[in-house]
Amino acid sequence: MPKSKLRKKVQERHAHEEQIHIEEESPLLESPSWLAPVMVANFLIGLFWIVIFYISQTSYPIPGIGAWNMIIGFSFIAVGFSLATKWR
């Protein structure tokens, strides 16, 4: 069965409600200003940590913990990826 036409006032009210609803959500879509720099910093720290570990032949950045340096470097990278999922 065909749907009856809505009155003009009702259509305008629905359009106005949808516009207000969209405008209210738009500030929520923006990510905080600190997110991108912290994300990139975590990626770079993790990358440099692993590169230093390999260049120093597994003795730095923290001597004595051995391969745990790899886990620390990948942990920084994992934090960067988790922040990347929140970036819009």
N, C-alpha and C. Protein backbone atom coordinates (compact mmCIF):
# COMPACT_ATOMS: atom_id res chain seq x y z
N MET A 1 0.85 -1.16 0.00
CA MET A 1 0.00 0.00 0.00
C MET A 1 0.90 1.23 0.00
N PRO A 2 0.62 2.20 -0.85
CA PRO A 2 1.46 3.40 -0.91
C PRO A 2 1.36 4.21 0.37
N LYS A 3 2.49 4.83 0.71
CA LYS A 3 2.54 5.66 1.90
C LYS A 3 1.95 7.02 1.59
N SER A 4 1.15 7.53 2.51
CA SER A 4 0.54 8.84 2.29
C SER A 4 1.59 9.93 2.44
N LYS A 5 1.37 11.02 1.76
CA LYS A 5 2.31 12.12 1.80
C LYS A 5 2.21 12.84 3.15
N LEU A 6 3.37 13.24 3.67
CA LEU A 6 3.39 14.00 4.90
C LEU A 6 3.08 15.46 4.62
N ARG A 7 2.51 16.10 5.59
CA ARG A 7 2.26 17.52 5.43
C ARG A 7 3.58 18.28 5.40
N LYS A 8 3.56 19.44 4.81
CA LYS A 8 4.77 20.22 4.62
C LYS A 8 5.42 20.58 5.96
N LYS A 9 4.66 20.94 6.96
CA LYS A 9 5.22 21.31 8.26
C LYS A 9 5.92 20.11 8.90
N VAL A 10 5.35 18.95 8.77
CA VAL A 10 5.94 17.76 9.36
C VAL A 10 7.26 17.43 8.67
N GLN A 11 7.30 17.57 7.34
CA GLN A 11 8.54 17.32 6.61
C GLN A 11 9.63 18.29 7.02
N GLU A 12 9.29 19.57 7.17
CA GLU A 12 10.29 20.56 7.57
C GLU A 12 10.81 20.29 8.97
N ARG A 13 9.92 19.86 9.86
CA ARG A 13 10.33 19.57 11.23
C ARG A 13 11.28 18.37 11.26
N HIS A 14 10.98 17.33 10.48
CA HIS A 14 11.86 16.16 10.42
C HIS A 14 13.23 16.54 9.85
N ALA A 15 13.23 17.36 8.82
CA ALA A 15 14.50 17.79 8.22
C ALA A 15 15.31 18.60 9.23
N HIS A 16 14.63 19.47 9.99
CA HIS A 16 15.32 20.28 10.99
C HIS A 16 15.88 19.41 12.11
N GLU A 17 15.13 18.40 12.56
CA GLU A 17 15.61 17.50 13.61
C GLU A 17 16.83 16.71 13.15
N GLU A 18 16.83 16.25 11.89
CA GLU A 18 17.98 15.52 11.37
C GLU A 18 19.20 16.41 11.29
N GLN A 19 19.02 17.67 10.90
CA GLN A 19 20.14 18.60 10.81
C GLN A 19 20.73 18.87 12.19
N ILE A 20 19.91 19.04 13.19
CA ILE A 20 20.40 19.26 14.55
C ILE A 20 21.13 18.02 15.05
N HIS A 21 20.60 16.86 14.75
CA HIS A 21 21.22 15.61 15.19
C HIS A 21 22.61 15.45 14.56
N ILE A 22 22.77 15.78 13.31
CA ILE A 22 24.07 15.67 12.63
C ILE A 22 25.05 16.70 13.19
N GLU A 23 24.60 17.92 13.46
CA GLU A 23 25.47 18.95 14.00
C GLU A 23 25.94 18.62 15.41
N GLU A 24 25.11 17.94 16.19
CA GLU A 24 25.51 17.58 17.55
C GLU A 24 26.60 16.52 17.55
N GLU A 25 26.59 15.61 16.60
CA GLU A 25 27.56 14.53 16.56
C GLU A 25 28.91 14.94 15.99
N SER A 26 28.97 15.98 15.20
CA SER A 26 30.21 16.34 14.52
C SER A 26 31.37 16.65 15.47
N PRO A 27 31.21 17.32 16.61
CA PRO A 27 32.36 17.51 17.49
C PRO A 27 32.88 16.20 18.07
N LEU A 28 32.04 15.21 18.19
CA LEU A 28 32.47 13.93 18.73
C LEU A 28 33.34 13.16 17.75
N LEU A 29 33.26 13.50 16.48
CA LEU A 29 34.02 12.77 15.47
C LEU A 29 35.47 13.21 15.40
N GLU A 30 35.79 14.35 15.98
CA GLU A 30 37.17 14.83 15.93
C GLU A 30 38.00 14.16 17.02
N SER A 31 39.23 13.85 16.68
CA SER A 31 40.12 13.26 17.68
C SER A 31 40.83 14.39 18.45
N PRO A 32 41.26 14.11 19.67
CA PRO A 32 41.96 15.15 20.44
C PRO A 32 43.27 15.55 19.76
N SER A 33 43.71 16.75 20.04
CA SER A 33 44.90 17.27 19.36
C SER A 33 46.18 16.54 19.77
N TRP A 34 46.20 15.90 20.93
CA TRP A 34 47.40 15.21 21.40
C TRP A 34 47.54 13.82 20.80
N LEU A 35 46.50 13.29 20.20
CA LEU A 35 46.50 11.89 19.78
C LEU A 35 47.51 11.61 18.66
N ALA A 36 47.51 12.38 17.61
CA ALA A 36 48.41 12.12 16.48
C ALA A 36 49.89 12.23 16.87
N PRO A 37 50.32 13.28 17.59
CA PRO A 37 51.73 13.34 17.97
C PRO A 37 52.17 12.18 18.88
N VAL A 38 51.30 11.79 19.81
CA VAL A 38 51.64 10.68 20.71
C VAL A 38 51.71 9.37 19.94
N MET A 39 50.81 9.19 18.98
CA MET A 39 50.79 7.99 18.15
C MET A 39 52.09 7.88 17.34
N VAL A 40 52.46 8.96 16.67
CA VAL A 40 53.68 8.95 15.86
C VAL A 40 54.90 8.77 16.74
N ALA A 41 54.91 9.41 17.90
CA ALA A 41 56.05 9.26 18.82
C ALA A 41 56.21 7.81 19.27
N ASN A 42 55.11 7.12 19.55
CA ASN A 42 55.19 5.72 19.94
C ASN A 42 55.73 4.85 18.81
N PHE A 43 55.28 5.11 17.59
CA PHE A 43 55.81 4.37 16.44
C PHE A 43 57.32 4.57 16.32
N LEU A 44 57.76 5.82 16.41
CA LEU A 44 59.18 6.12 16.23
C LEU A 44 60.04 5.58 17.37
N ILE A 45 59.56 5.70 18.60
CA ILE A 45 60.32 5.17 19.74
C ILE A 45 60.48 3.67 19.60
N GLY A 46 59.40 2.98 19.25
CA GLY A 46 59.48 1.54 19.08
C GLY A 46 60.43 1.15 17.96
N LEU A 47 60.37 1.88 16.85
CA LEU A 47 61.26 1.60 15.72
C LEU A 47 62.72 1.82 16.11
N PHE A 48 63.01 2.96 16.72
CA PHE A 48 64.39 3.24 17.13
C PHE A 48 64.88 2.26 18.18
N TRP A 49 64.01 1.83 19.08
CA TRP A 49 64.39 0.86 20.11
C TRP A 49 64.86 -0.44 19.45
N ILE A 50 64.10 -0.90 18.47
CA ILE A 50 64.45 -2.16 17.80
C ILE A 50 65.71 -2.00 16.94
N VAL A 51 65.82 -0.86 16.26
CA VAL A 51 67.01 -0.62 15.42
C VAL A 51 68.27 -0.55 16.29
N ILE A 52 68.20 0.14 17.42
CA ILE A 52 69.36 0.22 18.32
C ILE A 52 69.71 -1.16 18.86
N PHE A 53 68.69 -1.96 19.15
CA PHE A 53 68.91 -3.32 19.63
C PHE A 53 69.70 -4.14 18.61
N TYR A 54 69.33 -4.03 17.35
CA TYR A 54 70.04 -4.78 16.31
C TYR A 54 71.42 -4.22 16.01
N ILE A 55 71.54 -2.89 15.94
CA ILE A 55 72.83 -2.27 15.61
C ILE A 55 73.87 -2.55 16.70
N SER A 56 73.42 -2.53 17.96
CA SER A 56 74.36 -2.75 19.06
C SER A 56 74.61 -4.23 19.33
N GLN A 57 74.13 -5.09 18.47
CA GLN A 57 74.29 -6.54 18.59
C GLN A 57 73.74 -7.05 19.91
N THR A 58 72.52 -6.68 20.18
CA THR A 58 71.69 -7.11 21.32
C THR A 58 72.21 -6.67 22.69
N SER A 59 73.04 -5.64 22.77
CA SER A 59 73.51 -5.21 24.10
C SER A 59 72.85 -3.93 24.58
N TYR A 60 72.25 -3.14 23.70
CA TYR A 60 71.56 -1.91 24.11
C TYR A 60 70.15 -1.96 23.57
N PRO A 61 69.23 -1.16 23.96
CA PRO A 61 69.16 0.02 24.79
C PRO A 61 69.25 -0.28 26.29
N ILE A 62 68.75 -1.40 26.75
CA ILE A 62 68.90 -1.75 28.16
C ILE A 62 69.78 -2.99 28.23
N PRO A 63 71.03 -2.85 28.69
CA PRO A 63 71.90 -4.03 28.74
C PRO A 63 71.41 -5.03 29.80
N GLY A 64 71.63 -6.29 29.52
CA GLY A 64 71.33 -7.31 30.51
C GLY A 64 69.97 -7.97 30.39
N ILE A 65 69.04 -7.37 29.63
CA ILE A 65 67.73 -8.03 29.53
C ILE A 65 67.56 -8.79 28.22
N GLY A 66 68.54 -8.67 27.35
CA GLY A 66 68.56 -9.47 26.13
C GLY A 66 67.39 -9.22 25.21
N ALA A 67 66.70 -10.30 24.84
CA ALA A 67 65.63 -10.21 23.85
C ALA A 67 64.39 -9.50 24.36
N TRP A 68 64.32 -9.21 25.65
CA TRP A 68 63.19 -8.44 26.17
C TRP A 68 63.17 -7.03 25.57
N ASN A 69 64.32 -6.57 25.07
CA ASN A 69 64.35 -5.28 24.38
C ASN A 69 63.44 -5.30 23.16
N MET A 70 63.34 -6.44 22.49
CA MET A 70 62.43 -6.56 21.33
C MET A 70 60.98 -6.40 21.78
N ILE A 71 60.65 -7.02 22.90
CA ILE A 71 59.27 -6.93 23.39
C ILE A 71 58.93 -5.49 23.77
N ILE A 72 59.89 -4.78 24.36
CA ILE A 72 59.66 -3.38 24.72
C ILE A 72 59.44 -2.55 23.46
N GLY A 73 60.27 -2.76 22.43
CA GLY A 73 60.12 -2.02 21.18
C GLY A 73 58.78 -2.29 20.51
N PHE A 74 58.39 -3.56 20.46
CA PHE A 74 57.11 -3.89 19.84
C PHE A 74 55.93 -3.42 20.69
N SER A 75 56.13 -3.29 21.98
CA SER A 75 55.07 -2.75 22.84
C SER A 75 54.80 -1.28 22.52
N PHE A 76 55.87 -0.51 22.29
CA PHE A 76 55.67 0.87 21.87
C PHE A 76 54.91 0.93 20.55
N ILE A 77 55.25 0.07 19.62
CA ILE A 77 54.57 0.05 18.33
C ILE A 77 53.11 -0.37 18.51
N ALA A 78 52.84 -1.32 19.39
CA ALA A 78 51.46 -1.76 19.64
C ALA A 78 50.63 -0.63 20.24
N VAL A 79 51.22 0.15 21.13
CA VAL A 79 50.50 1.31 21.69
C VAL A 79 50.19 2.31 20.58
N GLY A 80 51.15 2.50 19.67
CA GLY A 80 50.89 3.39 18.53
C GLY A 80 49.74 2.90 17.68
N PHE A 81 49.66 1.61 17.43
CA PHE A 81 48.55 1.06 16.65
C PHE A 81 47.22 1.20 17.40
N SER A 82 47.23 1.00 18.70
CA SER A 82 45.98 1.15 19.44
C SER A 82 45.49 2.60 19.42
N LEU A 83 46.42 3.55 19.44
CA LEU A 83 46.03 4.95 19.31
C LEU A 83 45.56 5.26 17.90
N ALA A 84 46.12 4.58 16.91
CA ALA A 84 45.72 4.83 15.52
C ALA A 84 44.27 4.43 15.28
N THR A 85 43.76 3.47 16.04
CA THR A 85 42.37 3.08 15.86
C THR A 85 41.41 4.14 16.37
N LYS A 86 41.86 5.06 17.22
CA LYS A 86 41.01 6.11 17.75
C LYS A 86 41.15 7.42 16.98
N TRP A 87 42.06 7.46 16.03
CA TRP A 87 42.32 8.70 15.28
C TRP A 87 41.31 8.84 14.16
N ARG A 88 40.72 10.03 14.03
CA ARG A 88 39.76 10.30 12.96
C ARG A 88 40.19 11.50 12.18
